[in-house]
Amino acid sequence: MTLPKGYGSGGRRTGGGGGEGRDDVERMIGRRVENMNGIYIIGFALCWAATAGGVYVGVSIYPWAYPLPSGIYALSVLTVIEALGFFFIMKVAHEKPVRA
């Protein structure tokens, strides 16, 4: 990977991708994904709140089309799906890179 001018070893373009370190890449892109746990948690909480709000609207405004047992079932299934997605995101974000 070639880094822009000002990063790495003097900012010069290297041949195949050597010379740049993790610190230079981190400085170039900002924060590391390992340090964004708060954003992932807030995103999951907002996603679940939107799901619960949608179920609430369906159950309270359209009870003939979306009865309460169906709403509870939908909320529980969608909660499991969202939780699996959250755990997958956390797993991928905290993987250690493979070093050659």
PDB file of N, CA and C in Angstrom:
ATOM      1  N   MET A   1       0.848  -1.171   0.000  1.00  0.00           N
ATOM      2  CA  MET A   1       0.000   0.000   0.000  1.00  0.00           C
ATOM      3  C   MET A   1       0.895   1.235   0.000  1.00  0.00           C
ATOM      4  N   THR A   2       0.595   2.150  -0.844  1.00  0.00           N
ATOM      5  CA  THR A   2       1.363   3.387  -0.922  1.00  0.00           C
ATOM      6  C   THR A   2       0.622   4.468  -0.166  1.00  0.00           C
ATOM      7  N   LEU A   3       1.318   5.095   0.756  1.00  0.00           N
ATOM      8  CA  LEU A   3       0.704   6.147   1.556  1.00  0.00           C
ATOM      9  C   LEU A   3       0.894   7.502   0.882  1.00  0.00           C
ATOM     10  N   PRO A   4       0.014   8.436   1.159  1.00  0.00           N
ATOM     11  CA  PRO A   4       0.158   9.777   0.588  1.00  0.00           C
ATOM     12  C   PRO A   4       1.400  10.492   1.116  1.00  0.00           C
ATOM     13  N   LYS A   5       1.705  11.595   0.483  1.00  0.00           N
ATOM     14  CA  LYS A   5       2.862  12.385   0.883  1.00  0.00           C
ATOM     15  C   LYS A   5       2.729  12.833   2.334  1.00  0.00           C
ATOM     16  N   GLY A   6       3.793  12.730   3.090  1.00  0.00           N
ATOM     17  CA  GLY A   6       3.776  13.155   4.478  1.00  0.00           C
ATOM     18  C   GLY A   6       3.584  12.013   5.455  1.00  0.00           C
ATOM     19  N   TYR A   7       3.309  10.816   4.950  1.00  0.00           N
ATOM     20  CA  TYR A   7       3.131   9.644   5.804  1.00  0.00           C
ATOM     21  C   TYR A   7       4.183   8.617   5.455  1.00  0.00           C
ATOM     22  N   GLY A   8       4.577   7.851   6.434  1.00  0.00           N
ATOM     23  CA  GLY A   8       5.561   6.810   6.186  1.00  0.00           C
ATOM     24  C   GLY A   8       6.969   7.361   6.184  1.00  0.00           C
ATOM     25  N   SER A   9       7.808   6.706   5.415  1.00  0.00           N
ATOM     26  CA  SER A   9       9.218   7.089   5.387  1.00  0.00           C
ATOM     27  C   SER A   9       9.433   8.236   4.423  1.00  0.00           C
ATOM     28  N   GLY A  10       9.186   9.437   4.877  1.00  0.00           N
ATOM     29  CA  GLY A  10       9.418  10.624   4.069  1.00  0.00           C
ATOM     30  C   GLY A  10       8.339  10.888   3.037  1.00  0.00           C
ATOM     31  N   GLY A  11       7.319  10.061   2.993  1.00  0.00           N
ATOM     32  CA  GLY A  11       6.239  10.271   2.062  1.00  0.00           C
ATOM     33  C   GLY A  11       6.561   9.832   0.647  1.00  0.00           C
ATOM     34  N   ARG A  12       7.726   9.208   0.446  1.00  0.00           N
ATOM     35  CA  ARG A  12       8.066   8.802  -0.917  1.00  0.00           C
ATOM     36  C   ARG A  12       7.329   7.517  -1.276  1.00  0.00           C
ATOM     37  N   ARG A  13       7.117   7.340  -2.528  1.00  0.00           N
ATOM     38  CA  ARG A  13       6.370   6.172  -3.004  1.00  0.00           C
ATOM     39  C   ARG A  13       7.302   4.971  -3.013  1.00  0.00           C
ATOM     40  N   THR A  14       6.869   3.925  -2.361  1.00  0.00           N
ATOM     41  CA  THR A  14       7.684   2.718  -2.324  1.00  0.00           C
ATOM     42  C   THR A  14       7.124   1.725  -3.328  1.00  0.00           C
ATOM     43  N   GLY A  15       7.924   0.764  -3.691  1.00  0.00           N
ATOM     44  CA  GLY A  15       7.551  -0.151  -4.754  1.00  0.00           C
ATOM     45  C   GLY A  15       6.314  -0.982  -4.491  1.00  0.00           C
ATOM     46  N   GLY A  16       6.398  -1.978  -3.638  1.00  0.00           N
ATOM     47  CA  GLY A  16       5.307  -2.918  -3.524  1.00  0.00           C
ATOM     48  C   GLY A  16       4.452  -2.761  -2.300  1.00  0.00           C
ATOM     49  N   GLY A  17       4.744  -1.859  -1.453  1.00  0.00           N
ATOM     50  CA  GLY A  17       3.914  -1.710  -0.268  1.00  0.00           C
ATOM     51  C   GLY A  17       4.709  -1.863   1.013  1.00  0.00           C
ATOM     52  N   GLY A  18       5.989  -1.731   0.941  1.00  0.00           N
ATOM     53  CA  GLY A  18       6.779  -1.805   2.153  1.00  0.00           C
ATOM     54  C   GLY A  18       7.055  -0.423   2.697  1.00  0.00           C
ATOM     55  N   GLY A  19       7.478  -0.359   3.924  1.00  0.00           N
ATOM     56  CA  GLY A  19       7.893   0.920   4.475  1.00  0.00           C
ATOM     57  C   GLY A  19       6.868   1.595   5.347  1.00  0.00           C
ATOM     58  N   GLU A  20       5.592   1.327   5.154  1.00  0.00           N
ATOM     59  CA  GLU A  20       4.602   1.994   5.983  1.00  0.00           C
ATOM     60  C   GLU A  20       4.222   1.083   7.145  1.00  0.00           C
ATOM     61  N   GLY A  21       4.039   1.691   8.291  1.00  0.00           N
ATOM     62  CA  GLY A  21       3.686   0.935   9.478  1.00  0.00           C
ATOM     63  C   GLY A  21       2.245   1.144   9.869  1.00  0.00           C
ATOM     64  N   ARG A  22       1.813   0.370  10.838  1.00  0.00           N
ATOM     65  CA  ARG A  22       0.426   0.472  11.312  1.00  0.00           C
ATOM     66  C   ARG A  22       0.143   1.860  11.873  1.00  0.00           C
ATOM     67  N   ASP A  23       1.139   2.444  12.535  1.00  0.00           N
ATOM     68  CA  ASP A  23       0.933   3.770  13.118  1.00  0.00           C
ATOM     69  C   ASP A  23       0.710   4.823  12.041  1.00  0.00           C
ATOM     70  N   ASP A  24       1.422   4.696  10.930  1.00  0.00           N
ATOM     71  CA  ASP A  24       1.234   5.651   9.839  1.00  0.00           C
ATOM     72  C   ASP A  24      -0.151   5.511   9.221  1.00  0.00           C
ATOM     73  N   VAL A  25      -0.590   4.289   9.037  1.00  0.00           N
ATOM     74  CA  VAL A  25      -1.922   4.069   8.468  1.00  0.00           C
ATOM     75  C   VAL A  25      -2.976   4.586   9.433  1.00  0.00           C
ATOM     76  N   GLU A  26      -2.796   4.315  10.721  1.00  0.00           N
ATOM     77  CA  GLU A  26      -3.748   4.807  11.720  1.00  0.00           C
ATOM     78  C   GLU A  26      -3.788   6.331  11.731  1.00  0.00           C
ATOM     79  N   ARG A  27      -2.657   6.966  11.630  1.00  0.00           N
ATOM     80  CA  ARG A  27      -2.608   8.428  11.616  1.00  0.00           C
ATOM     81  C   ARG A  27      -3.291   8.976  10.366  1.00  0.00           C
ATOM     82  N   MET A  28      -3.207   8.242   9.254  1.00  0.00           N
ATOM     83  CA  MET A  28      -3.788   8.707   8.014  1.00  0.00           C
ATOM     84  C   MET A  28      -5.317   8.583   8.027  1.00  0.00           C
ATOM     85  N   ILE A  29      -5.848   7.476   8.524  1.00  0.00           N
ATOM     86  CA  ILE A  29      -7.296   7.263   8.451  1.00  0.00           C
ATOM     87  C   ILE A  29      -8.024   7.727   9.695  1.00  0.00           C
ATOM     88  N   GLY A  30      -7.340   8.057  10.753  1.00  0.00           N
ATOM     89  CA  GLY A  30      -8.012   8.534  11.961  1.00  0.00           C
ATOM     90  C   GLY A  30      -8.000   7.481  13.044  1.00  0.00           C
ATOM     91  N   ARG A  31      -9.177   7.060  13.444  1.00  0.00           N
ATOM     92  CA  ARG A  31      -9.286   6.108  14.553  1.00  0.00           C
ATOM     93  C   ARG A  31      -9.259   4.681  14.035  1.00  0.00           C
ATOM     94  N   ARG A  32      -8.810   3.799  14.884  1.00  0.00           N
ATOM     95  CA  ARG A  32      -8.821   2.376  14.551  1.00  0.00           C
ATOM     96  C   ARG A  32     -10.183   1.792  14.889  1.00  0.00           C
ATOM     97  N   VAL A  33     -10.585   0.773  14.153  1.00  0.00           N
ATOM     98  CA  VAL A  33     -11.903   0.182  14.395  1.00  0.00           C
ATOM     99  C   VAL A  33     -11.971  -0.516  15.743  1.00  0.00           C
ATOM    100  N   GLU A  34     -10.840  -0.907  16.287  1.00  0.00           N
ATOM    101  CA  GLU A  34     -10.840  -1.548  17.603  1.00  0.00           C
ATOM    102  C   GLU A  34     -11.258  -0.560  18.696  1.00  0.00           C
ATOM    103  N   ASN A  35     -11.121   0.736  18.423  1.00  0.00           N
ATOM    104  CA  ASN A  35     -11.423   1.756  19.423  1.00  0.00           C
ATOM    105  C   ASN A  35     -12.798   2.390  19.225  1.00  0.00           C
ATOM    106  N   MET A  36     -13.655   1.785  18.424  1.00  0.00           N
ATOM    107  CA  MET A  36     -14.965   2.361  18.140  1.00  0.00           C
ATOM    108  C   MET A  36     -16.104   1.571  18.781  1.00  0.00           C
ATOM    109  N   ASN A  37     -15.864   0.967  19.934  1.00  0.00           N
ATOM    110  CA  ASN A  37     -16.898   0.161  20.593  1.00  0.00           C
ATOM    111  C   ASN A  37     -18.135   0.983  20.908  1.00  0.00           C
ATOM    112  N   GLY A  38     -17.964   2.216  21.329  1.00  0.00           N
ATOM    113  CA  GLY A  38     -19.110   3.061  21.673  1.00  0.00           C
ATOM    114  C   GLY A  38     -20.025   3.299  20.490  1.00  0.00           C
ATOM    115  N   ILE A  39     -19.432   3.504  19.316  1.00  0.00           N
ATOM    116  CA  ILE A  39     -20.233   3.730  18.122  1.00  0.00           C
ATOM    117  C   ILE A  39     -21.015   2.470  17.767  1.00  0.00           C
ATOM    118  N   TYR A  40     -20.396   1.307  17.901  1.00  0.00           N
ATOM    119  CA  TYR A  40     -21.094   0.059  17.601  1.00  0.00           C
ATOM    120  C   TYR A  40     -22.241  -0.175  18.571  1.00  0.00           C
ATOM    121  N   ILE A  41     -22.020   0.104  19.848  1.00  0.00           N
ATOM    122  CA  ILE A  41     -23.067  -0.101  20.851  1.00  0.00           C
ATOM    123  C   ILE A  41     -24.219   0.871  20.635  1.00  0.00           C
ATOM    124  N   ILE A  42     -23.895   2.126  20.377  1.00  0.00           N
ATOM    125  CA  ILE A  42     -24.951   3.119  20.124  1.00  0.00           C
ATOM    126  C   ILE A  42     -25.726   2.751  18.852  1.00  0.00           C
ATOM    127  N   GLY A  43     -25.024   2.303  17.833  1.00  0.00           N
ATOM    128  CA  GLY A  43     -25.694   1.886  16.598  1.00  0.00           C
ATOM    129  C   GLY A  43     -26.627   0.712  16.827  1.00  0.00           C
ATOM    130  N   PHE A  44     -26.184  -0.262  17.606  1.00  0.00           N
ATOM    131  CA  PHE A  44     -27.051  -1.402  17.915  1.00  0.00           C
ATOM    132  C   PHE A  44     -28.261  -0.959  18.717  1.00  0.00           C
ATOM    133  N   ALA A  45     -28.063  -0.097  19.705  1.00  0.00           N
ATOM    134  CA  ALA A  45     -29.180   0.372  20.532  1.00  0.00           C
ATOM    135  C   ALA A  45     -30.190   1.161  19.689  1.00  0.00           C
ATOM    136  N   LEU A  46     -29.711   2.013  18.792  1.00  0.00           N
ATOM    137  CA  LEU A  46     -30.619   2.769  17.931  1.00  0.00           C
ATOM    138  C   LEU A  46     -31.356   1.857  16.950  1.00  0.00           C
ATOM    139  N   CYS A  47     -30.657   0.865  16.442  1.00  0.00           N
ATOM    140  CA  CYS A  47     -31.290  -0.094  15.535  1.00  0.00           C
ATOM    141  C   CYS A  47     -32.390  -0.854  16.265  1.00  0.00           C
ATOM    142  N   TRP A  48     -32.112  -1.303  17.482  1.00  0.00           N
ATOM    143  CA  TRP A  48     -33.130  -2.025  18.243  1.00  0.00           C
ATOM    144  C   TRP A  48     -34.297  -1.106  18.609  1.00  0.00           C
ATOM    145  N   ALA A  49     -34.013   0.149  18.955  1.00  0.00           N
ATOM    146  CA  ALA A  49     -35.084   1.092  19.289  1.00  0.00           C
ATOM    147  C   ALA A  49     -35.974   1.343  18.070  1.00  0.00           C
ATOM    148  N   ALA A  50     -35.391   1.443  16.892  1.00  0.00           N
ATOM    149  CA  ALA A  50     -36.189   1.626  15.677  1.00  0.00           C
ATOM    150  C   ALA A  50     -37.054   0.395  15.413  1.00  0.00           C
ATOM    151  N   THR A  51     -36.508  -0.777  15.642  1.00  0.00           N
ATOM    152  CA  THR A  51     -37.284  -2.004  15.470  1.00  0.00           C
ATOM    153  C   THR A  51     -38.432  -2.059  16.467  1.00  0.00           C
ATOM    154  N   ALA A  52     -38.138  -1.766  17.733  1.00  0.00           N
ATOM    155  CA  ALA A  52     -39.188  -1.781  18.757  1.00  0.00           C
ATOM    156  C   ALA A  52     -40.240  -0.715  18.467  1.00  0.00           C
ATOM    157  N   GLY A  53     -39.824   0.446  17.993  1.00  0.00           N
ATOM    158  CA  GLY A  53     -40.780   1.495  17.634  1.00  0.00           C
ATOM    159  C   GLY A  53     -41.676   1.085  16.485  1.00  0.00           C
ATOM    160  N   GLY A  54     -41.112   0.418  15.503  1.00  0.00           N
ATOM    161  CA  GLY A  54     -41.911  -0.064  14.387  1.00  0.00           C
ATOM    162  C   GLY A  54     -42.918  -1.119  14.819  1.00  0.00           C
ATOM    163  N   VAL A  55     -42.499  -2.008  15.696  1.00  0.00           N
ATOM    164  CA  VAL A  55     -43.425  -3.021  16.218  1.00  0.00           C
ATOM    165  C   VAL A  55     -44.516  -2.355  17.044  1.00  0.00           C
ATOM    166  N   TYR A  56     -44.151  -1.363  17.844  1.00  0.00           N
ATOM    167  CA  TYR A  56     -45.140  -0.656  18.665  1.00  0.00           C
ATOM    168  C   TYR A  56     -46.185   0.040  17.785  1.00  0.00           C
ATOM    169  N   VAL A  57     -45.716   0.704  16.746  1.00  0.00           N
ATOM    170  CA  VAL A  57     -46.649   1.380  15.842  1.00  0.00           C
ATOM    171  C   VAL A  57     -47.567   0.358  15.178  1.00  0.00           C
ATOM    172  N   GLY A  58     -46.995  -0.747  14.746  1.00  0.00           N
ATOM    173  CA  GLY A  58     -47.815  -1.766  14.103  1.00  0.00           C
ATOM    174  C   GLY A  58     -48.852  -2.350  15.032  1.00  0.00           C
ATOM    175  N   VAL A  59     -48.482  -2.600  16.274  1.00  0.00           N
ATOM    176  CA  VAL A  59     -49.403  -3.208  17.238  1.00  0.00           C
ATOM    177  C   VAL A  59     -50.441  -2.203  17.717  1.00  0.00           C
ATOM    178  N   SER A  60     -50.063  -0.949  17.911  1.00  0.00           N
ATOM    179  CA  SER A  60     -51.002   0.021  18.486  1.00  0.00           C
ATOM    180  C   SER A  60     -51.897   0.681  17.434  1.00  0.00           C
ATOM    181  N   ILE A  61     -51.385   0.952  16.252  1.00  0.00           N
ATOM    182  CA  ILE A  61     -52.180   1.659  15.251  1.00  0.00           C
ATOM    183  C   ILE A  61     -52.930   0.683  14.345  1.00  0.00           C
ATOM    184  N   TYR A  62     -52.324  -0.450  14.036  1.00  0.00           N
ATOM    185  CA  TYR A  62     -52.958  -1.429  13.161  1.00  0.00           C
ATOM    186  C   TYR A  62     -53.136  -2.766  13.880  1.00  0.00           C
ATOM    187  N   PRO A  63     -53.908  -2.814  14.966  1.00  0.00           N
ATOM    188  CA  PRO A  63     -54.014  -4.073  15.721  1.00  0.00           C
ATOM    189  C   PRO A  63     -54.736  -5.176  14.949  1.00  0.00           C
ATOM    190  N   TRP A  64     -55.590  -4.838  13.979  1.00  0.00           N
ATOM    191  CA  TRP A  64     -56.285  -5.866  13.215  1.00  0.00           C
ATOM    192  C   TRP A  64     -55.341  -6.560  12.226  1.00  0.00           C
ATOM    193  N   ALA A  65     -54.292  -5.864  11.819  1.00  0.00           N
ATOM    194  CA  ALA A  65     -53.357  -6.450  10.868  1.00  0.00           C
ATOM    195  C   ALA A  65     -52.089  -6.969  11.546  1.00  0.00           C
ATOM    196  N   TYR A  66     -51.822  -6.510  12.755  1.00  0.00           N
ATOM    197  CA  TYR A  66     -50.565  -6.827  13.430  1.00  0.00           C
ATOM    198  C   TYR A  66     -50.867  -7.073  14.902  1.00  0.00           C
ATOM    199  N   PRO A  67     -51.436  -8.218  15.259  1.00  0.00           N
ATOM    200  CA  PRO A  67     -51.833  -8.458  16.650  1.00  0.00           C
ATOM    201  C   PRO A  67     -50.622  -8.560  17.575  1.00  0.00           C
ATOM    202  N   LEU A  68     -50.877  -8.403  18.867  1.00  0.00           N
ATOM    203  CA  LEU A  68     -49.797  -8.367  19.863  1.00  0.00           C
ATOM    204  C   LEU A  68     -48.919  -9.615  19.852  1.00  0.00           C
ATOM    205  N   PRO A  69     -49.453 -10.831  19.833  1.00  0.00           N
ATOM    206  CA  PRO A  69     -48.551 -11.992  19.800  1.00  0.00           C
ATOM    207  C   PRO A  69     -47.626 -11.986  18.577  1.00  0.00           C
ATOM    208  N   SER A  70     -48.144 -11.549  17.445  1.00  0.00           N
ATOM    209  CA  SER A  70     -47.308 -11.457  16.254  1.00  0.00           C
ATOM    210  C   SER A  70     -46.223 -10.393  16.424  1.00  0.00           C
ATOM    211  N   GLY A  71     -46.573  -9.275  17.058  1.00  0.00           N
ATOM    212  CA  GLY A  71     -45.588  -8.227  17.308  1.00  0.00           C
ATOM    213  C   GLY A  71     -44.487  -8.668  18.249  1.00  0.00           C
ATOM    214  N   ILE A  72     -44.864  -9.397  19.297  1.00  0.00           N
ATOM    215  CA  ILE A  72     -43.853  -9.896  20.246  1.00  0.00           C
ATOM    216  C   ILE A  72     -42.929 -10.896  19.556  1.00  0.00           C
ATOM    217  N   TYR A  73     -43.512 -11.760  18.748  1.00  0.00           N
ATOM    218  CA  TYR A  73     -42.689 -12.721  18.016  1.00  0.00           C
ATOM    219  C   TYR A  73     -41.732 -12.003  17.060  1.00  0.00           C
ATOM    220  N   ALA A  74     -42.243 -11.027  16.318  1.00  0.00           N
ATOM    221  CA  ALA A  74     -41.400 -10.280  15.375  1.00  0.00           C
ATOM    222  C   ALA A  74     -40.267  -9.560  16.105  1.00  0.00           C
ATOM    223  N   LEU A  75     -40.586  -8.951  17.241  1.00  0.00           N
ATOM    224  CA  LEU A  75     -39.550  -8.237  17.990  1.00  0.00           C
ATOM    225  C   LEU A  75     -38.480  -9.192  18.506  1.00  0.00           C
ATOM    226  N   SER A  76     -38.890 -10.363  18.977  1.00  0.00           N
ATOM    227  CA  SER A  76     -37.901 -11.308  19.490  1.00  0.00           C
ATOM    228  C   SER A  76     -37.016 -11.853  18.366  1.00  0.00           C
ATOM    229  N   VAL A  77     -37.603 -12.178  17.225  1.00  0.00           N
ATOM    230  CA  VAL A  77     -36.803 -12.691  16.108  1.00  0.00           C
ATOM    231  C   VAL A  77     -35.853 -11.614  15.586  1.00  0.00           C
ATOM    232  N   LEU A  78     -36.350 -10.394  15.425  1.00  0.00           N
ATOM    233  CA  LEU A  78     -35.493  -9.316  14.930  1.00  0.00           C
ATOM    234  C   LEU A  78     -34.403  -8.948  15.939  1.00  0.00           C
ATOM    235  N   THR A  79     -34.699  -9.076  17.228  1.00  0.00           N
ATOM    236  CA  THR A  79     -33.680  -8.819  18.242  1.00  0.00           C
ATOM    237  C   THR A  79     -32.547  -9.835  18.129  1.00  0.00           C
ATOM    238  N   VAL A  80     -32.885 -11.099  17.910  1.00  0.00           N
ATOM    239  CA  VAL A  80     -31.851 -12.126  17.744  1.00  0.00           C
ATOM    240  C   VAL A  80     -31.010 -11.846  16.501  1.00  0.00           C
ATOM    241  N   ILE A  81     -31.656 -11.473  15.410  1.00  0.00           N
ATOM    242  CA  ILE A  81     -30.924 -11.177  14.169  1.00  0.00           C
ATOM    243  C   ILE A  81     -29.999  -9.976  14.361  1.00  0.00           C
ATOM    244  N   GLU A  82     -30.496  -8.931  15.010  1.00  0.00           N
ATOM    245  CA  GLU A  82     -29.665  -7.746  15.249  1.00  0.00           C
ATOM    246  C   GLU A  82     -28.514  -8.063  16.198  1.00  0.00           C
ATOM    247  N   ALA A  83     -28.757  -8.890  17.206  1.00  0.00           N
ATOM    248  CA  ALA A  83     -27.687  -9.263  18.142  1.00  0.00           C
ATOM    249  C   ALA A  83     -26.610 -10.073  17.433  1.00  0.00           C
ATOM    250  N   LEU A  84     -27.004 -10.982  16.552  1.00  0.00           N
ATOM    251  CA  LEU A  84     -26.003 -11.742  15.794  1.00  0.00           C
ATOM    252  C   LEU A  84     -25.167 -10.807  14.921  1.00  0.00           C
ATOM    253  N   GLY A  85     -25.803  -9.838  14.299  1.00  0.00           N
ATOM    254  CA  GLY A  85     -25.062  -8.860  13.515  1.00  0.00           C
ATOM    255  C   GLY A  85     -24.106  -8.053  14.369  1.00  0.00           C
ATOM    256  N   PHE A  86     -24.549  -7.661  15.563  1.00  0.00           N
ATOM    257  CA  PHE A  86     -23.692  -6.899  16.470  1.00  0.00           C
ATOM    258  C   PHE A  86     -22.471  -7.724  16.887  1.00  0.00           C
ATOM    259  N   PHE A  87     -22.684  -8.990  17.243  1.00  0.00           N
ATOM    260  CA  PHE A  87     -21.553  -9.834  17.639  1.00  0.00           C
ATOM    261  C   PHE A  87     -20.603 -10.060  16.477  1.00  0.00           C
ATOM    262  N   PHE A  88     -21.132 -10.182  15.262  1.00  0.00           N
ATOM    263  CA  PHE A  88     -20.276 -10.339  14.094  1.00  0.00           C
ATOM    264  C   PHE A  88     -19.429  -9.084  13.873  1.00  0.00           C
ATOM    265  N   ILE A  89     -20.036  -7.915  14.006  1.00  0.00           N
ATOM    266  CA  ILE A  89     -19.293  -6.663  13.847  1.00  0.00           C
ATOM    267  C   ILE A  89     -18.183  -6.569  14.889  1.00  0.00           C
ATOM    268  N   MET A  90     -18.503  -6.901  16.140  1.00  0.00           N
ATOM    269  CA  MET A  90     -17.491  -6.828  17.196  1.00  0.00           C
ATOM    270  C   MET A  90     -16.368  -7.836  16.938  1.00  0.00           C
ATOM    271  N   LYS A  91     -16.706  -9.028  16.462  1.00  0.00           N
ATOM    272  CA  LYS A  91     -15.700 -10.042  16.172  1.00  0.00           C
ATOM    273  C   LYS A  91     -14.764  -9.571  15.067  1.00  0.00           C
ATOM    274  N   VAL A  92     -15.314  -9.046  13.992  1.00  0.00           N
ATOM    275  CA  VAL A  92     -14.490  -8.606  12.869  1.00  0.00           C
ATOM    276  C   VAL A  92     -13.643  -7.395  13.260  1.00  0.00           C
ATOM    277  N   ALA A  93     -14.216  -6.485  14.035  1.00  0.00           N
ATOM    278  CA  ALA A  93     -13.483  -5.272  14.414  1.00  0.00           C
ATOM    279  C   ALA A  93     -12.316  -5.572  15.341  1.00  0.00           C
ATOM    280  N   HIS A  94     -12.390  -6.655  16.092  1.00  0.00           N
ATOM    281  CA  HIS A  94     -11.333  -6.958  17.056  1.00  0.00           C
ATOM    282  C   HIS A  94     -10.418  -8.098  16.612  1.00  0.00           C
ATOM    283  N   GLU A  95     -10.493  -8.470  15.336  1.00  0.00           N
ATOM    284  CA  GLU A  95      -9.572  -9.494  14.833  1.00  0.00           C
ATOM    285  C   GLU A  95      -8.164  -8.931  14.791  1.00  0.00           C
ATOM    286  N   LYS A  96      -7.216  -9.781  15.033  1.00  0.00           N
ATOM    287  CA  LYS A  96      -5.815  -9.402  14.910  1.00  0.00           C
ATOM    288  C   LYS A  96      -5.361  -9.685  13.492  1.00  0.00           C
ATOM    289  N   PRO A  97      -4.625  -8.779  12.879  1.00  0.00           N
ATOM    290  CA  PRO A  97      -4.184  -9.010  11.496  1.00  0.00           C
ATOM    291  C   PRO A  97      -3.178 -10.146  11.418  1.00  0.00           C
ATOM    292  N   VAL A  98      -3.187 -10.832  10.296  1.00  0.00           N
ATOM    293  CA  VAL A  98      -2.253 -11.920  10.070  1.00  0.00           C
ATOM    294  C   VAL A  98      -0.926 -11.317   9.637  1.00  0.00           C
ATOM    295  N   ARG A  99       0.116 -11.671  10.341  1.00  0.00           N
ATOM    296  CA  ARG A  99       1.461 -11.168  10.021  1.00  0.00           C
ATOM    297  C   ARG A  99       2.249 -12.225   9.270  1.00  0.00           C
ATOM    298  N   ALA A 100       2.916 -11.819   8.214  1.00  0.00           N
ATOM    299  CA  ALA A 100       3.721 -12.773   7.441  1.00  0.00           C
ATOM    300  C   ALA A 100       5.109 -12.859   8.009  1.00  0.00           C
TER     301      ALA A 100
END
